[in-house]
C-alpha atoms as a PDB file:
ATOM      1  CA  MET A   1      29.008  16.169  -6.800  1.00  0.00           C
ATOM      2  CA  ALA A   2      28.942  12.635  -8.490  1.00  0.00           C
ATOM      3  CA  ASP A   3      29.950  12.215 -12.055  1.00  0.00           C
ATOM      4  CA  SER A   4      27.661  11.108 -14.685  1.00  0.00           C
ATOM      5  CA  GLY A   5      29.060   7.919 -14.959  1.00  0.00           C
ATOM      6  CA  SER A   6      27.981   6.802 -11.731  1.00  0.00           C
ATOM      7  CA  SER A   7      24.643   8.539 -12.287  1.00  0.00           C
ATOM      8  CA  LYS A   8      23.920   6.175 -15.075  1.00  0.00           C
ATOM      9  CA  ILE A   9      25.073   3.110 -13.531  1.00  0.00           C
ATOM     10  CA  TRP A  10      22.721   3.885 -10.543  1.00  0.00           C
ATOM     11  CA  THR A  11      19.702   4.503 -12.817  1.00  0.00           C
ATOM     12  CA  VAL A  12      20.401   1.310 -14.630  1.00  0.00           C
ATOM     13  CA  PHE A  13      20.844  -0.662 -11.551  1.00  0.00           C
ATOM     14  CA  SER A  14      17.850   0.930  -9.887  1.00  0.00           C
ATOM     15  CA  LEU A  15      15.724   0.227 -12.799  1.00  0.00           C
ATOM     16  CA  VAL A  16      16.819  -3.341 -13.184  1.00  0.00           C
ATOM     17  CA  SER A  17      16.038  -4.188  -9.476  1.00  0.00           C
ATOM     18  CA  ALA A  18      12.717  -2.299  -9.430  1.00  0.00           C
ATOM     19  CA  LEU A  19      11.611  -4.278 -12.645  1.00  0.00           C
ATOM     20  CA  GLY A  20      12.901  -7.546 -11.218  1.00  0.00           C
ATOM     21  CA  ALA A  21      10.961  -6.985  -8.143  1.00  0.00           C
ATOM     22  CA  ALA A  22       7.740  -5.980  -9.929  1.00  0.00           C
ATOM     23  CA  ALA A  23       7.798  -8.922 -11.999  1.00  0.00           C
ATOM     24  CA  LEU A  24       8.456 -11.305  -8.983  1.00  0.00           C
ATOM     25  CA  ALA A  25       5.585  -9.416  -7.094  1.00  0.00           C
ATOM     26  CA  LYS A  26       3.482  -9.836  -9.817  1.00  0.00           C
ATOM     27  CA  LYS A  27       3.929 -13.604  -9.831  1.00  0.00           C
ATOM     28  CA  ALA A  28       3.462 -13.947  -6.292  1.00  0.00           C
ATOM     29  CA  LEU A  29       0.163 -11.768  -6.447  1.00  0.00           C
ATOM     30  CA  ASP A  30      -1.216 -13.723  -9.279  1.00  0.00           C
ATOM     31  CA  SER A  31      -0.591 -17.068  -6.998  1.00  0.00           C
ATOM     32  CA  GLY A  32      -1.964 -15.455  -4.081  1.00  0.00           C
ATOM     33  CA  TRP A  33      -4.978 -14.287  -5.564  1.00  0.00           C
ATOM     34  CA  ARG A  34      -5.992 -17.587  -7.072  1.00  0.00           C
ATOM     35  CA  ALA A  35      -5.223 -19.464  -3.667  1.00  0.00           C
ATOM     36  CA  ALA A  36      -7.509 -16.831  -1.781  1.00  0.00           C
ATOM     37  CA  THR A  37     -10.320 -16.589  -4.465  1.00  0.00           C
ATOM     38  CA  GLY A  38     -10.143 -19.551  -6.655  1.00  0.00           C
ATOM     39  CA  LYS A  39     -10.002 -17.554  -9.581  1.00  0.00           C
ATOM     40  CA  HIS A  40      -7.509 -15.800 -11.842  1.00  0.00           C
ATOM     41  CA  PRO A  41      -6.942 -12.108 -11.292  1.00  0.00           C
ATOM     42  CA  PRO A  42      -8.569  -9.684 -13.563  1.00  0.00           C
ATOM     43  CA  GLU A  43      -6.762  -9.541 -16.785  1.00  0.00           C
ATOM     44  CA  ASN A  44      -8.223  -5.947 -17.092  1.00  0.00           C
ATOM     45  CA  PRO A  45     -10.012  -4.161 -13.912  1.00  0.00           C
ATOM     46  CA  ALA A  46     -11.500  -1.630 -16.360  1.00  0.00           C
ATOM     47  CA  ASP A  47     -13.423  -4.256 -18.096  1.00  0.00           C
ATOM     48  CA  PRO A  48     -17.145  -3.785 -17.360  1.00  0.00           C
ATOM     49  CA  ASP A  49     -17.400  -7.479 -17.136  1.00  0.00           C
ATOM     50  CA  VAL A  50     -15.251  -7.573 -13.965  1.00  0.00           C
ATOM     51  CA  GLN A  51     -17.284  -6.943 -10.906  1.00  0.00           C
ATOM     52  CA  ILE A  52     -16.294  -3.590  -9.527  1.00  0.00           C
ATOM     53  CA  GLY A  53     -15.567  -4.971  -6.192  1.00  0.00           C
ATOM     54  CA  GLU A  54     -13.029  -7.449  -7.620  1.00  0.00           C
ATOM     55  CA  ALA A  55     -11.663  -4.773  -9.641  1.00  0.00           C
ATOM     56  CA  VAL A  56     -11.085  -2.416  -6.729  1.00  0.00           C
ATOM     57  CA  ALA A  57      -9.751  -5.072  -4.513  1.00  0.00           C
ATOM     58  CA  TRP A  58      -7.090  -6.326  -7.333  1.00  0.00           C
ATOM     59  CA  ALA A  59      -6.057  -2.603  -7.922  1.00  0.00           C
ATOM     60  CA  VAL A  60      -5.574  -1.947  -4.271  1.00  0.00           C
ATOM     61  CA  VAL A  61      -3.718  -5.101  -3.626  1.00  0.00           C
ATOM     62  CA  SER A  62      -1.611  -5.176  -6.538  1.00  0.00           C
ATOM     63  CA  GLY A  63      -0.750  -1.615  -6.683  1.00  0.00           C
ATOM     64  CA  THR A  64       0.193  -1.747  -3.090  1.00  0.00           C
ATOM     65  CA  PHE A  65       2.367  -4.978  -3.247  1.00  0.00           C
ATOM     66  CA  VAL A  66       3.918  -4.088  -6.471  1.00  0.00           C
ATOM     67  CA  ALA A  67       5.117  -0.707  -5.142  1.00  0.00           C
ATOM     68  CA  LEU A  68       6.199  -2.168  -1.846  1.00  0.00           C
ATOM     69  CA  ALA A  69       8.321  -4.734  -3.473  1.00  0.00           C
ATOM     70  CA  ARG A  70       9.873  -2.184  -5.808  1.00  0.00           C
ATOM     71  CA  MET A  71      10.624   0.159  -3.118  1.00  0.00           C
ATOM     72  CA  MET A  72      12.374  -2.645  -0.946  1.00  0.00           C
ATOM     73  CA  ALA A  73      14.420  -3.657  -4.124  1.00  0.00           C
ATOM     74  CA  GLN A  74      15.662  -0.112  -4.656  1.00  0.00           C
ATOM     75  CA  ARG A  75      16.608   0.325  -0.981  1.00  0.00           C
ATOM     76  CA  LYS A  76      18.572  -2.964  -1.443  1.00  0.00           C
ATOM     77  CA  ALA A  77      20.081  -1.747  -4.507  1.00  0.00           C
ATOM     78  CA  ALA A  78      20.906   1.764  -2.982  1.00  0.00           C
ATOM     79  CA  ASN A  79      22.492  -0.160   0.069  1.00  0.00           C
ATOM     80  CA  TYR A  80      24.772  -2.434  -2.327  1.00  0.00           C
ATOM     81  CA  TYR A  81      25.769   0.791  -4.286  1.00  0.00           C
ATOM     82  CA  ALA A  82      26.585   2.481  -0.949  1.00  0.00           C
ATOM     83  CA  ARG A  83      28.842  -0.328   0.121  1.00  0.00           C
ATOM     84  CA  SER A  84      30.517  -0.749  -3.190  1.00  0.00           C
ATOM     85  CA  ALA A  85      30.952   3.163  -3.990  1.00  0.00           C
ATOM     86  CA  GLY A  86      31.386   4.248  -0.605  1.00  0.00           C
ATOM     87  CA  HIS A  87      28.479   6.588  -1.116  1.00  0.00           C
ATOM     88  CA  LEU A  88      24.904   7.102  -1.810  1.00  0.00           C
ATOM     89  CA  PRO A  89      23.824   6.853  -5.435  1.00  0.00           C
ATOM     90  CA  PRO A  90      23.788  10.556  -6.647  1.00  0.00           C
ATOM     91  CA  GLN A  91      19.936  10.563  -7.015  1.00  0.00           C
ATOM     92  CA  LEU A  92      19.603   9.698  -3.135  1.00  0.00           C
ATOM     93  CA  GLN A  93      22.417  11.907  -1.817  1.00  0.00           C
ATOM     94  CA  LYS A  94      21.291  14.800   0.420  1.00  0.00           C
ATOM     95  CA  ASP A  95      22.199  18.311  -0.516  1.00  0.00           C
END
């Protein structure tokens, strides 16, 4: 069983990698959306002034892209942790 110190380190490491990936993904998404549509992405897709098709498209694209970026960053972080510590992070270890 892993100690709580390594668990805390992994929690912070995982969180930082996920937040960084989400920020980069959001930046890339905003640029891609502007290039594809010629408009800024919706500030708030729930706003009734935003067309429903645009709001749904933004929600699908941004949700998918950000989730994938976070997952990939956390996988890379887990690989780095495993190489450094010699084992998977405590939350990823199998029983």
